[in-house]
Amino acid sequence: MERKKRRISKGMAWSLVGAVLLVGVLVYAIMCCFSSQRQMRNSVVVVEANVWYTVGASADKMVFFAEITPDSTFTTPSATLSPLLLTPHLTSGFWTNRFALLPSCSGRVVTAMPQGTTNKGTLPADANTMVQKTLMKLVVQEKQLKREIKETDYYIKVHGMQDEGYTAVVAYAHKLKMRLTEVQKVGKRLAALRKEKQLRVLRHTRYAVHFDGKTLPAKCLREDLQWGLCLLQTTDGETPWRASTISALPWGMSATGEVRVASVPGLGLEPLDTVKNSSAVWVANVEADTHLRMHTALGQPGSPVFSVWGRFVGMYNGTNIVPRHIIAKLLWNEK
């Protein structure tokens, strides 16, 4: 009789353990599916991206430039990389788990691809023609700079420091001469590259994630050119302890009507140091065409979008909302 009682109590104990585990799993699943406003704010990061292109035949024969224009020429060509790193692209992003309902973030961030980089898959094959076209543009630019320098030199010659605006003209003339020197230097390099038979155009990106007062270097794991998505991961594979991770469920969800957008207001309009730690949640409206109606100063590409109840809907890519199941697919196929 005592043995029978002992067996029953053991069975009850295991049932109790199972019930506790089941409740824990349900609570965790609910926490993954619904986010509070605090969790929404703590999921947002600022992504800083430096993007540049190179054209050349080898490391010692190379020209840097900012982007490729529709007329197949290079913009802002430079003999060195430094000037192109002064104006980084700033977007929002959010911490996310690789697998839905499992704690599998490991420093992963989903964001929008930097503006003007969705043409990675269509980099020009005929780099020599692009070099020739860019050289023609530089010749025109050089003539224009020389004309402006001649005008400013004349003004400086006939005026003195007592004249209003004199110092501003002197400073402007100095900038013109610096720009002319750079244009001439780049022109010589491109002229030399034109003689090369095998030129290559490459795109380069450098990412950093700003969160909780820290700057974390990151690398790109995967891109989705169709939706303009970019999956990043911090170089150390660590997720900050204050970060709230989002789980992208592998099925879609209606996103019309009132929604909540977590973002960093003023990003790109104010100095980065003053806004990077001021994430907030805003009310916005999604029309039937999935266009998000919201002022650009409040929500930037890469901002996560939630329902009124806090369910993750998708990511704002600048015009539309990328559905969460597309993001889940990106995470699942990251390599």
C-alpha atoms as a PDB file:
ATOM      1  CA  MET A   1       0.000   0.000   0.000  1.00  0.00           C
ATOM      2  CA  GLU A   2       2.805   2.389   0.855  1.00  0.00           C
ATOM      3  CA  ARG A   3       4.560   1.608  -2.451  1.00  0.00           C
ATOM      4  CA  LYS A   4       1.386   2.439  -4.374  1.00  0.00           C
ATOM      5  CA  LYS A   5       1.049   5.791  -2.599  1.00  0.00           C
ATOM      6  CA  ARG A   6       4.690   6.567  -3.340  1.00  0.00           C
ATOM      7  CA  ARG A   7       4.158   5.861  -7.052  1.00  0.00           C
ATOM      8  CA  ILE A   8       1.117   8.106  -7.169  1.00  0.00           C
ATOM      9  CA  SER A   9       3.001  10.948  -5.530  1.00  0.00           C
ATOM     10  CA  LYS A  10       5.847  10.488  -8.031  1.00  0.00           C
ATOM     11  CA  GLY A  11       3.414  10.677 -10.926  1.00  0.00           C
ATOM     12  CA  MET A  12       1.868  13.806  -9.491  1.00  0.00           C
ATOM     13  CA  ALA A  13       5.307  15.364  -9.126  1.00  0.00           C
ATOM     14  CA  TRP A  14       6.164  14.725 -12.751  1.00  0.00           C
ATOM     15  CA  SER A  15       2.793  16.085 -13.826  1.00  0.00           C
ATOM     16  CA  LEU A  16       3.445  19.225 -11.797  1.00  0.00           C
ATOM     17  CA  VAL A  17       6.883  19.652 -13.391  1.00  0.00           C
ATOM     18  CA  GLY A  18       5.359  19.191 -16.848  1.00  0.00           C
ATOM     19  CA  ALA A  19       2.639  21.738 -16.105  1.00  0.00           C
ATOM     20  CA  VAL A  20       5.208  24.289 -14.876  1.00  0.00           C
ATOM     21  CA  LEU A  21       7.335  23.777 -17.974  1.00  0.00           C
ATOM     22  CA  LEU A  22       4.299  24.111 -20.225  1.00  0.00           C
ATOM     23  CA  VAL A  23       3.271  27.349 -18.538  1.00  0.00           C
ATOM     24  CA  GLY A  24       6.847  28.639 -18.869  1.00  0.00           C
ATOM     25  CA  VAL A  25       6.912  27.830 -22.574  1.00  0.00           C
ATOM     26  CA  LEU A  26       3.546  29.523 -23.101  1.00  0.00           C
ATOM     27  CA  VAL A  27       4.639  32.630 -21.213  1.00  0.00           C
ATOM     28  CA  TYR A  28       7.882  32.803 -23.205  1.00  0.00           C
ATOM     29  CA  ALA A  29       5.990  32.356 -26.486  1.00  0.00           C
ATOM     30  CA  ILE A  30       3.594  35.164 -25.549  1.00  0.00           C
ATOM     31  CA  MET A  31       6.523  37.408 -24.606  1.00  0.00           C
ATOM     32  CA  CYS A  32       8.097  36.707 -28.019  1.00  0.00           C
ATOM     33  CA  CYS A  33       4.869  37.448 -29.867  1.00  0.00           C
ATOM     34  CA  PHE A  34       3.927  40.637 -28.018  1.00  0.00           C
ATOM     35  CA  SER A  35       6.162  43.582 -27.116  1.00  0.00           C
ATOM     36  CA  SER A  36       5.611  46.360 -24.619  1.00  0.00           C
ATOM     37  CA  GLN A  37       6.553  49.935 -25.501  1.00  0.00           C
ATOM     38  CA  ARG A  38       9.716  49.586 -23.432  1.00  0.00           C
ATOM     39  CA  GLN A  39      10.676  46.452 -25.368  1.00  0.00           C
ATOM     40  CA  MET A  40       9.910  48.214 -28.657  1.00  0.00           C
ATOM     41  CA  ARG A  41      12.251  51.067 -27.723  1.00  0.00           C
ATOM     42  CA  ASN A  42      14.983  48.700 -26.541  1.00  0.00           C
ATOM     43  CA  SER A  43      14.851  46.733 -29.787  1.00  0.00           C
ATOM     44  CA  VAL A  44      15.863  49.739 -31.905  1.00  0.00           C
ATOM     45  CA  VAL A  45      19.437  50.541 -32.912  1.00  0.00           C
ATOM     46  CA  VAL A  46      21.090  53.159 -35.115  1.00  0.00           C
ATOM     47  CA  VAL A  47      23.031  51.641 -38.003  1.00  0.00           C
ATOM     48  CA  GLU A  48      25.920  53.659 -39.424  1.00  0.00           C
ATOM     49  CA  ALA A  49      27.078  52.528 -42.855  1.00  0.00           C
ATOM     50  CA  ASN A  50      29.978  53.759 -44.939  1.00  0.00           C
ATOM     51  CA  VAL A  51      29.575  52.818 -48.586  1.00  0.00           C
ATOM     52  CA  TRP A  52      32.095  53.397 -51.349  1.00  0.00           C
ATOM     53  CA  TYR A  53      33.140  51.956 -54.683  1.00  0.00           C
ATOM     54  CA  THR A  54      36.524  51.344 -56.236  1.00  0.00           C
ATOM     55  CA  VAL A  55      37.615  51.018 -59.828  1.00  0.00           C
ATOM     56  CA  GLY A  56      41.054  49.696 -60.682  1.00  0.00           C
ATOM     57  CA  ALA A  57      43.252  46.845 -61.757  1.00  0.00           C
ATOM     58  CA  SER A  58      45.166  46.347 -58.489  1.00  0.00           C
ATOM     59  CA  ALA A  59      45.558  47.783 -54.987  1.00  0.00           C
ATOM     60  CA  ASP A  60      48.124  50.370 -56.089  1.00  0.00           C
ATOM     61  CA  LYS A  61      46.118  51.398 -59.186  1.00  0.00           C
ATOM     62  CA  MET A  62      42.744  52.412 -57.826  1.00  0.00           C
ATOM     63  CA  VAL A  63      40.273  55.322 -57.644  1.00  0.00           C
ATOM     64  CA  PHE A  64      37.566  55.665 -54.972  1.00  0.00           C
ATOM     65  CA  PHE A  65      34.112  57.113 -55.572  1.00  0.00           C
ATOM     66  CA  ALA A  66      30.806  57.550 -53.750  1.00  0.00           C
ATOM     67  CA  GLU A  67      28.288  55.931 -56.099  1.00  0.00           C
ATOM     68  CA  ILE A  68      27.339  55.053 -59.668  1.00  0.00           C
ATOM     69  CA  THR A  69      24.940  57.398 -61.461  1.00  0.00           C
ATOM     70  CA  PRO A  70      22.236  56.310 -63.953  1.00  0.00           C
ATOM     71  CA  ASP A  71      24.352  57.668 -66.841  1.00  0.00           C
ATOM     72  CA  SER A  72      27.101  55.136 -65.987  1.00  0.00           C
ATOM     73  CA  THR A  73      29.604  57.535 -64.457  1.00  0.00           C
ATOM     74  CA  PHE A  74      31.244  57.782 -61.037  1.00  0.00           C
ATOM     75  CA  THR A  75      30.222  60.512 -58.591  1.00  0.00           C
ATOM     76  CA  THR A  76      32.583  62.195 -56.125  1.00  0.00           C
ATOM     77  CA  PRO A  77      35.726  60.451 -57.375  1.00  0.00           C
ATOM     78  CA  SER A  78      38.657  60.664 -54.982  1.00  0.00           C
ATOM     79  CA  ALA A  79      42.294  59.602 -54.932  1.00  0.00           C
ATOM     80  CA  THR A  80      41.965  58.553 -51.264  1.00  0.00           C
ATOM     81  CA  LEU A  81      39.231  56.920 -49.197  1.00  0.00           C
ATOM     82  CA  SER A  82      39.147  59.415 -46.290  1.00  0.00           C
ATOM     83  CA  PRO A  83      36.833  62.070 -47.871  1.00  0.00           C
ATOM     84  CA  LEU A  84      34.182  59.431 -48.620  1.00  0.00           C
ATOM     85  CA  LEU A  85      33.994  58.346 -44.967  1.00  0.00           C
ATOM     86  CA  LEU A  86      32.934  61.786 -43.715  1.00  0.00           C
ATOM     87  CA  THR A  87      29.249  61.372 -44.649  1.00  0.00           C
ATOM     88  CA  PRO A  88      28.002  57.946 -43.488  1.00  0.00           C
ATOM     89  CA  HIS A  89      24.507  56.619 -44.205  1.00  0.00           C
ATOM     90  CA  LEU A  90      22.302  56.465 -41.076  1.00  0.00           C
ATOM     91  CA  THR A  91      19.340  54.103 -40.776  1.00  0.00           C
ATOM     92  CA  SER A  92      17.392  52.380 -38.031  1.00  0.00           C
ATOM     93  CA  GLY A  93      17.533  48.677 -37.275  1.00  0.00           C
ATOM     94  CA  PHE A  94      16.427  46.191 -34.629  1.00  0.00           C
ATOM     95  CA  TRP A  95      17.794  43.242 -32.673  1.00  0.00           C
ATOM     96  CA  THR A  96      16.279  39.948 -33.793  1.00  0.00           C
ATOM     97  CA  ASN A  97      16.427  36.229 -33.091  1.00  0.00           C
ATOM     98  CA  ARG A  98      17.510  34.022 -35.961  1.00  0.00           C
ATOM     99  CA  PHE A  99      14.929  31.389 -35.038  1.00  0.00           C
ATOM    100  CA  ALA A 100      11.462  32.468 -33.933  1.00  0.00           C
ATOM    101  CA  LEU A 101      10.586  31.678 -30.302  1.00  0.00           C
ATOM    102  CA  LEU A 102      14.205  30.723 -29.521  1.00  0.00           C
ATOM    103  CA  PRO A 103      16.818  33.011 -27.890  1.00  0.00           C
ATOM    104  CA  SER A 104      19.132  33.040 -30.924  1.00  0.00           C
ATOM    105  CA  CYS A 105      20.069  36.689 -31.510  1.00  0.00           C
ATOM    106  CA  SER A 106      23.859  36.505 -31.080  1.00  0.00           C
ATOM    107  CA  GLY A 107      24.260  40.136 -32.110  1.00  0.00           C
ATOM    108  CA  ARG A 108      22.003  39.966 -35.186  1.00  0.00           C
ATOM    109  CA  VAL A 109      20.408  43.171 -36.466  1.00  0.00           C
ATOM    110  CA  VAL A 110      17.999  43.591 -39.360  1.00  0.00           C
ATOM    111  CA  THR A 111      18.128  46.948 -41.134  1.00  0.00           C
ATOM    112  CA  ALA A 112      17.474  48.581 -44.491  1.00  0.00           C
ATOM    113  CA  MET A 113      20.202  48.607 -47.109  1.00  0.00           C
ATOM    114  CA  PRO A 114      21.939  51.989 -47.351  1.00  0.00           C
ATOM    115  CA  GLN A 115      20.473  54.304 -49.950  1.00  0.00           C
ATOM    116  CA  GLY A 116      21.844  53.744 -53.447  1.00  0.00           C
ATOM    117  CA  THR A 117      23.334  50.283 -52.777  1.00  0.00           C
ATOM    118  CA  THR A 118      20.552  48.084 -54.134  1.00  0.00           C
ATOM    119  CA  ASN A 119      22.387  47.986 -57.475  1.00  0.00           C
ATOM    120  CA  LYS A 120      25.062  45.678 -56.066  1.00  0.00           C
ATOM    121  CA  GLY A 121      23.899  42.890 -58.325  1.00  0.00           C
ATOM    122  CA  THR A 122      24.188  45.103 -61.427  1.00  0.00           C
ATOM    123  CA  LEU A 123      27.692  46.497 -61.066  1.00  0.00           C
ATOM    124  CA  PRO A 124      28.944  47.546 -64.500  1.00  0.00           C
ATOM    125  CA  ALA A 125      30.855  45.052 -66.576  1.00  0.00           C
ATOM    126  CA  ASP A 126      32.323  47.663 -68.927  1.00  0.00           C
ATOM    127  CA  ALA A 127      34.389  49.658 -66.450  1.00  0.00           C
ATOM    128  CA  ASN A 128      36.579  51.139 -69.206  1.00  0.00           C
ATOM    129  CA  THR A 129      33.600  52.963 -70.735  1.00  0.00           C
ATOM    130  CA  MET A 130      32.669  54.329 -67.302  1.00  0.00           C
ATOM    131  CA  VAL A 131      36.215  55.574 -66.800  1.00  0.00           C
ATOM    132  CA  GLN A 132      36.096  57.348 -70.165  1.00  0.00           C
ATOM    133  CA  LYS A 133      32.737  58.999 -69.388  1.00  0.00           C
ATOM    134  CA  THR A 134      33.924  60.080 -65.951  1.00  0.00           C
ATOM    135  CA  LEU A 135      37.093  61.570 -67.450  1.00  0.00           C
ATOM    136  CA  MET A 136      34.964  63.673 -69.803  1.00  0.00           C
ATOM    137  CA  LYS A 137      32.972  64.954 -66.816  1.00  0.00           C
ATOM    138  CA  LEU A 138      36.151  65.763 -64.929  1.00  0.00           C
ATOM    139  CA  VAL A 139      37.476  67.811 -67.857  1.00  0.00           C
ATOM    140  CA  VAL A 140      34.326  69.943 -67.786  1.00  0.00           C
ATOM    141  CA  GLN A 141      34.546  70.234 -63.986  1.00  0.00           C
ATOM    142  CA  GLU A 142      38.208  71.273 -64.180  1.00  0.00           C
ATOM    143  CA  LYS A 143      37.403  74.049 -66.637  1.00  0.00           C
ATOM    144  CA  GLN A 144      34.572  75.284 -64.412  1.00  0.00           C
ATOM    145  CA  LEU A 145      36.819  75.300 -61.327  1.00  0.00           C
ATOM    146  CA  LYS A 146      39.540  77.223 -63.137  1.00  0.00           C
ATOM    147  CA  ARG A 147      36.982  79.797 -64.259  1.00  0.00           C
ATOM    148  CA  GLU A 148      35.674  80.253 -60.713  1.00  0.00           C
ATOM    149  CA  ILE A 149      39.206  80.466 -59.299  1.00  0.00           C
ATOM    150  CA  LYS A 150      40.049  83.177 -61.826  1.00  0.00           C
ATOM    151  CA  GLU A 151      36.985  85.189 -60.744  1.00  0.00           C
ATOM    152  CA  THR A 152      37.742  84.843 -57.018  1.00  0.00           C
ATOM    153  CA  ASP A 153      41.418  85.752 -57.585  1.00  0.00           C
ATOM    154  CA  TYR A 154      40.311  88.910 -59.357  1.00  0.00           C
ATOM    155  CA  TYR A 155      37.972  89.808 -56.483  1.00  0.00           C
ATOM    156  CA  ILE A 156      40.764  89.260 -53.927  1.00  0.00           C
ATOM    157  CA  LYS A 157      43.149  91.382 -56.002  1.00  0.00           C
ATOM    158  CA  VAL A 158      40.867  94.429 -56.274  1.00  0.00           C
ATOM    159  CA  HIS A 159      39.329  94.257 -52.773  1.00  0.00           C
ATOM    160  CA  GLY A 160      40.759  94.357 -49.273  1.00  0.00           C
ATOM    161  CA  MET A 161      40.000  92.956 -45.845  1.00  0.00           C
ATOM    162  CA  GLN A 162      37.957  96.042 -45.029  1.00  0.00           C
ATOM    163  CA  ASP A 163      35.346  94.996 -47.611  1.00  0.00           C
ATOM    164  CA  GLU A 164      32.341  93.023 -46.415  1.00  0.00           C
ATOM    165  CA  GLY A 165      32.555  89.325 -47.323  1.00  0.00           C
ATOM    166  CA  TYR A 166      36.252  89.443 -48.200  1.00  0.00           C
ATOM    167  CA  THR A 167      37.289  86.697 -45.736  1.00  0.00           C
ATOM    168  CA  ALA A 168      34.444  84.445 -46.933  1.00  0.00           C
ATOM    169  CA  VAL A 169      35.605  84.818 -50.542  1.00  0.00           C
ATOM    170  CA  VAL A 170      39.188  83.994 -49.537  1.00  0.00           C
ATOM    171  CA  ALA A 171      38.025  80.844 -47.752  1.00  0.00           C
ATOM    172  CA  TYR A 172      35.882  79.866 -50.746  1.00  0.00           C
ATOM    173  CA  ALA A 173      38.832  80.414 -53.118  1.00  0.00           C
ATOM    174  CA  HIS A 174      40.971  78.115 -50.991  1.00  0.00           C
ATOM    175  CA  LYS A 175      38.314  75.381 -51.196  1.00  0.00           C
ATOM    176  CA  LEU A 176      38.126  75.780 -54.966  1.00  0.00           C
ATOM    177  CA  LYS A 177      41.882  75.353 -55.330  1.00  0.00           C
ATOM    178  CA  MET A 178      41.857  72.271 -53.084  1.00  0.00           C
ATOM    179  CA  ARG A 179      39.048  70.805 -55.164  1.00  0.00           C
ATOM    180  CA  LEU A 180      40.904  71.570 -58.408  1.00  0.00           C
ATOM    181  CA  THR A 181      44.005  69.778 -57.106  1.00  0.00           C
ATOM    182  CA  GLU A 182      41.914  66.731 -56.239  1.00  0.00           C
ATOM    183  CA  VAL A 183      40.152  66.715 -59.624  1.00  0.00           C
ATOM    184  CA  GLN A 184      43.464  66.905 -61.460  1.00  0.00           C
ATOM    185  CA  LYS A 185      44.935  64.112 -59.340  1.00  0.00           C
ATOM    186  CA  VAL A 186      41.931  61.855 -59.952  1.00  0.00           C
ATOM    187  CA  GLY A 187      41.981  62.724 -63.653  1.00  0.00           C
ATOM    188  CA  LYS A 188      45.588  61.551 -63.962  1.00  0.00           C
ATOM    189  CA  ARG A 189      44.794  58.283 -62.201  1.00  0.00           C
ATOM    190  CA  LEU A 190      41.758  57.611 -64.395  1.00  0.00           C
ATOM    191  CA  ALA A 191      43.774  58.418 -67.508  1.00  0.00           C
ATOM    192  CA  ALA A 192      46.316  55.820 -66.411  1.00  0.00           C
ATOM    193  CA  LEU A 193      43.567  53.284 -65.647  1.00  0.00           C
ATOM    194  CA  ARG A 194      42.082  53.771 -69.104  1.00  0.00           C
ATOM    195  CA  LYS A 195      45.127  51.972 -70.511  1.00  0.00           C
ATOM    196  CA  GLU A 196      44.459  48.902 -68.361  1.00  0.00           C
ATOM    197  CA  LYS A 197      42.663  46.002 -70.041  1.00  0.00           C
ATOM    198  CA  GLN A 198      40.947  44.422 -67.038  1.00  0.00           C
ATOM    199  CA  LEU A 199      39.313  46.946 -64.729  1.00  0.00           C
ATOM    200  CA  ARG A 200      36.970  45.926 -61.927  1.00  0.00           C
ATOM    201  CA  VAL A 201      34.311  47.924 -60.103  1.00  0.00           C
ATOM    202  CA  LEU A 202      33.736  46.788 -56.510  1.00  0.00           C
ATOM    203  CA  ARG A 203      31.381  47.940 -53.797  1.00  0.00           C
ATOM    204  CA  HIS A 204      32.592  48.181 -50.185  1.00  0.00           C
ATOM    205  CA  THR A 205      30.598  48.655 -46.965  1.00  0.00           C
ATOM    206  CA  ARG A 206      31.569  49.238 -43.363  1.00  0.00           C
ATOM    207  CA  TYR A 207      28.909  48.933 -40.651  1.00  0.00           C
ATOM    208  CA  ALA A 208      28.623  49.962 -36.997  1.00  0.00           C
ATOM    209  CA  VAL A 209      25.690  49.598 -34.614  1.00  0.00           C
ATOM    210  CA  HIS A 210      24.948  52.293 -32.010  1.00  0.00           C
ATOM    211  CA  PHE A 211      23.057  51.101 -28.920  1.00  0.00           C
ATOM    212  CA  ASP A 212      22.963  52.078 -25.256  1.00  0.00           C
ATOM    213  CA  GLY A 213      25.807  54.569 -25.613  1.00  0.00           C
ATOM    214  CA  LYS A 214      28.128  52.068 -27.298  1.00  0.00           C
ATOM    215  CA  THR A 215      29.383  51.701 -30.866  1.00  0.00           C
ATOM    216  CA  LEU A 216      29.620  48.064 -31.965  1.00  0.00           C
ATOM    217  CA  PRO A 217      31.402  47.129 -35.210  1.00  0.00           C
ATOM    218  CA  ALA A 218      29.279  44.836 -37.378  1.00  0.00           C
ATOM    219  CA  LYS A 219      29.518  42.747 -40.521  1.00  0.00           C
ATOM    220  CA  CYS A 220      26.946  42.000 -43.209  1.00  0.00           C
ATOM    221  CA  LEU A 221      25.738  38.400 -43.283  1.00  0.00           C
ATOM    222  CA  ARG A 222      23.161  38.607 -46.071  1.00  0.00           C
ATOM    223  CA  GLU A 223      21.260  41.081 -48.244  1.00  0.00           C
ATOM    224  CA  ASP A 224      17.877  40.939 -49.970  1.00  0.00           C
ATOM    225  CA  LEU A 225      17.983  43.278 -52.966  1.00  0.00           C
ATOM    226  CA  GLN A 226      14.293  42.846 -53.776  1.00  0.00           C
ATOM    227  CA  TRP A 227      13.092  44.102 -50.391  1.00  0.00           C
ATOM    228  CA  GLY A 228      16.114  46.247 -49.518  1.00  0.00           C
ATOM    229  CA  LEU A 229      16.955  44.213 -46.406  1.00  0.00           C
ATOM    230  CA  CYS A 230      20.344  43.790 -44.779  1.00  0.00           C
ATOM    231  CA  LEU A 231      21.184  41.310 -42.023  1.00  0.00           C
ATOM    232  CA  LEU A 232      24.084  42.375 -39.787  1.00  0.00           C
ATOM    233  CA  GLN A 233      25.876  40.775 -36.884  1.00  0.00           C
ATOM    234  CA  THR A 234      28.175  42.377 -34.347  1.00  0.00           C
ATOM    235  CA  THR A 235      31.756  41.227 -34.892  1.00  0.00           C
ATOM    236  CA  ASP A 236      31.926  39.640 -31.426  1.00  0.00           C
ATOM    237  CA  GLY A 237      28.545  37.914 -31.872  1.00  0.00           C
ATOM    238  CA  GLU A 238      27.261  39.377 -28.586  1.00  0.00           C
ATOM    239  CA  THR A 239      23.909  41.030 -27.842  1.00  0.00           C
ATOM    240  CA  PRO A 240      23.907  43.836 -25.224  1.00  0.00           C
ATOM    241  CA  TRP A 241      22.085  42.841 -22.051  1.00  0.00           C
ATOM    242  CA  ARG A 242      19.622  45.766 -22.300  1.00  0.00           C
ATOM    243  CA  ALA A 243      18.594  44.840 -25.833  1.00  0.00           C
ATOM    244  CA  SER A 244      15.104  43.456 -26.468  1.00  0.00           C
ATOM    245  CA  THR A 245      15.129  40.975 -29.333  1.00  0.00           C
ATOM    246  CA  ILE A 246      12.284  40.573 -31.827  1.00  0.00           C
ATOM    247  CA  SER A 247      11.097  37.241 -33.180  1.00  0.00           C
ATOM    248  CA  ALA A 248       9.972  37.315 -36.821  1.00  0.00           C
ATOM    249  CA  LEU A 249       7.269  34.663 -37.122  1.00  0.00           C
ATOM    250  CA  PRO A 250       7.281  32.780 -40.461  1.00  0.00           C
ATOM    251  CA  TRP A 251       3.759  33.744 -41.504  1.00  0.00           C
ATOM    252  CA  GLY A 252       2.315  37.058 -42.607  1.00  0.00           C
ATOM    253  CA  MET A 253       0.066  39.441 -40.707  1.00  0.00           C
ATOM    254  CA  SER A 254      -2.269  42.192 -41.843  1.00  0.00           C
ATOM    255  CA  ALA A 255      -0.671  45.613 -41.466  1.00  0.00           C
ATOM    256  CA  THR A 256      -3.467  48.023 -42.427  1.00  0.00           C
ATOM    257  CA  GLY A 257      -4.766  50.684 -40.075  1.00  0.00           C
ATOM    258  CA  GLU A 258      -3.112  52.073 -36.983  1.00  0.00           C
ATOM    259  CA  VAL A 259       0.338  50.733 -36.082  1.00  0.00           C
ATOM    260  CA  ARG A 260       3.263  51.546 -33.798  1.00  0.00           C
ATOM    261  CA  VAL A 261       6.695  52.396 -35.199  1.00  0.00           C
ATOM    262  CA  ALA A 262       9.835  52.259 -33.040  1.00  0.00           C
ATOM    263  CA  SER A 263      12.550  54.587 -34.305  1.00  0.00           C
ATOM    264  CA  VAL A 264      15.086  57.285 -33.467  1.00  0.00           C
ATOM    265  CA  PRO A 265      13.504  60.696 -34.199  1.00  0.00           C
ATOM    266  CA  GLY A 266      15.670  63.305 -35.885  1.00  0.00           C
ATOM    267  CA  LEU A 267      18.147  60.761 -37.238  1.00  0.00           C
ATOM    268  CA  GLY A 268      20.055  62.407 -40.073  1.00  0.00           C
ATOM    269  CA  LEU A 269      18.711  65.846 -39.156  1.00  0.00           C
ATOM    270  CA  GLU A 270      20.488  66.342 -35.834  1.00  0.00           C
ATOM    271  CA  PRO A 271      24.074  65.405 -34.826  1.00  0.00           C
ATOM    272  CA  LEU A 272      24.316  61.658 -34.255  1.00  0.00           C
ATOM    273  CA  ASP A 273      25.617  61.970 -30.683  1.00  0.00           C
ATOM    274  CA  THR A 274      22.514  63.930 -29.631  1.00  0.00           C
ATOM    275  CA  VAL A 275      19.880  61.494 -30.960  1.00  0.00           C
ATOM    276  CA  LYS A 276      21.390  57.990 -31.151  1.00  0.00           C
ATOM    277  CA  ASN A 277      20.127  56.989 -27.675  1.00  0.00           C
ATOM    278  CA  SER A 278      16.666  58.577 -27.884  1.00  0.00           C
ATOM    279  CA  SER A 279      14.503  55.861 -29.420  1.00  0.00           C
ATOM    280  CA  ALA A 280      10.733  56.321 -29.189  1.00  0.00           C
ATOM    281  CA  VAL A 281       7.468  54.699 -30.292  1.00  0.00           C
ATOM    282  CA  TRP A 282       5.161  56.594 -32.655  1.00  0.00           C
ATOM    283  CA  VAL A 283       1.623  56.133 -33.905  1.00  0.00           C
ATOM    284  CA  ALA A 284       1.313  55.793 -37.687  1.00  0.00           C
ATOM    285  CA  ASN A 285      -1.173  54.578 -40.265  1.00  0.00           C
ATOM    286  CA  VAL A 286      -0.772  51.970 -42.986  1.00  0.00           C
ATOM    287  CA  GLU A 287      -2.983  52.282 -46.057  1.00  0.00           C
ATOM    288  CA  ALA A 288      -4.362  49.389 -48.088  1.00  0.00           C
ATOM    289  CA  ASP A 289      -1.389  49.679 -50.473  1.00  0.00           C
ATOM    290  CA  THR A 290       0.966  48.936 -47.504  1.00  0.00           C
ATOM    291  CA  HIS A 291       2.377  52.493 -47.687  1.00  0.00           C
ATOM    292  CA  LEU A 292       3.229  53.851 -44.244  1.00  0.00           C
ATOM    293  CA  ARG A 293       1.955  57.378 -43.652  1.00  0.00           C
ATOM    294  CA  MET A 294       4.466  58.942 -41.300  1.00  0.00           C
ATOM    295  CA  HIS A 295       6.747  61.974 -41.265  1.00  0.00           C
ATOM    296  CA  THR A 296      10.271  61.083 -42.371  1.00  0.00           C
ATOM    297  CA  ALA A 297      11.744  62.893 -39.358  1.00  0.00           C
ATOM    298  CA  LEU A 298      10.069  60.352 -37.062  1.00  0.00           C
ATOM    299  CA  GLY A 299      10.488  57.036 -38.862  1.00  0.00           C
ATOM    300  CA  GLN A 300      13.463  56.006 -40.976  1.00  0.00           C
ATOM    301  CA  PRO A 301      14.100  52.934 -43.149  1.00  0.00           C
ATOM    302  CA  GLY A 302      14.896  49.967 -40.929  1.00  0.00           C
ATOM    303  CA  SER A 303      12.373  50.854 -38.207  1.00  0.00           C
ATOM    304  CA  PRO A 304      10.365  47.901 -36.808  1.00  0.00           C
ATOM    305  CA  VAL A 305       6.570  48.143 -37.081  1.00  0.00           C
ATOM    306  CA  PHE A 306       4.139  46.680 -34.535  1.00  0.00           C
ATOM    307  CA  SER A 307       0.403  46.297 -34.252  1.00  0.00           C
ATOM    308  CA  VAL A 308      -1.590  48.211 -31.634  1.00  0.00           C
ATOM    309  CA  TRP A 309      -1.289  45.151 -29.390  1.00  0.00           C
ATOM    310  CA  GLY A 310       2.478  44.974 -29.775  1.00  0.00           C
ATOM    311  CA  ARG A 311       2.724  42.135 -32.295  1.00  0.00           C
ATOM    312  CA  PHE A 312       5.675  42.478 -34.697  1.00  0.00           C
ATOM    313  CA  VAL A 313       4.344  43.210 -38.190  1.00  0.00           C
ATOM    314  CA  GLY A 314       7.452  43.922 -40.265  1.00  0.00           C
ATOM    315  CA  MET A 315      10.042  46.558 -41.143  1.00  0.00           C
ATOM    316  CA  TYR A 316       9.602  49.969 -42.730  1.00  0.00           C
ATOM    317  CA  ASN A 317      11.889  50.193 -45.791  1.00  0.00           C
ATOM    318  CA  GLY A 318      11.296  53.846 -46.652  1.00  0.00           C
ATOM    319  CA  THR A 319       7.940  53.491 -48.433  1.00  0.00           C
ATOM    320  CA  ASN A 320       6.326  50.144 -47.644  1.00  0.00           C
ATOM    321  CA  ILE A 321       6.369  47.577 -44.868  1.00  0.00           C
ATOM    322  CA  VAL A 322       8.426  44.441 -45.445  1.00  0.00           C
ATOM    323  CA  PRO A 323       6.290  41.577 -44.026  1.00  0.00           C
ATOM    324  CA  ARG A 324       7.722  39.664 -41.111  1.00  0.00           C
ATOM    325  CA  HIS A 325       7.703  36.319 -42.963  1.00  0.00           C
ATOM    326  CA  ILE A 326      10.112  37.837 -45.534  1.00  0.00           C
ATOM    327  CA  ILE A 327      12.414  38.821 -42.665  1.00  0.00           C
ATOM    328  CA  ALA A 328      12.082  35.318 -41.171  1.00  0.00           C
ATOM    329  CA  LYS A 329      13.139  33.862 -44.529  1.00  0.00           C
ATOM    330  CA  LEU A 330      16.181  36.156 -44.620  1.00  0.00           C
ATOM    331  CA  LEU A 331      17.181  35.022 -41.115  1.00  0.00           C
ATOM    332  CA  TRP A 332      16.657  31.347 -41.864  1.00  0.00           C
ATOM    333  CA  ASN A 333      18.778  31.514 -45.040  1.00  0.00           C
ATOM    334  CA  GLU A 334      21.480  33.816 -43.689  1.00  0.00           C
ATOM    335  CA  LYS A 335      24.305  31.685 -45.105  1.00  0.00           C
END
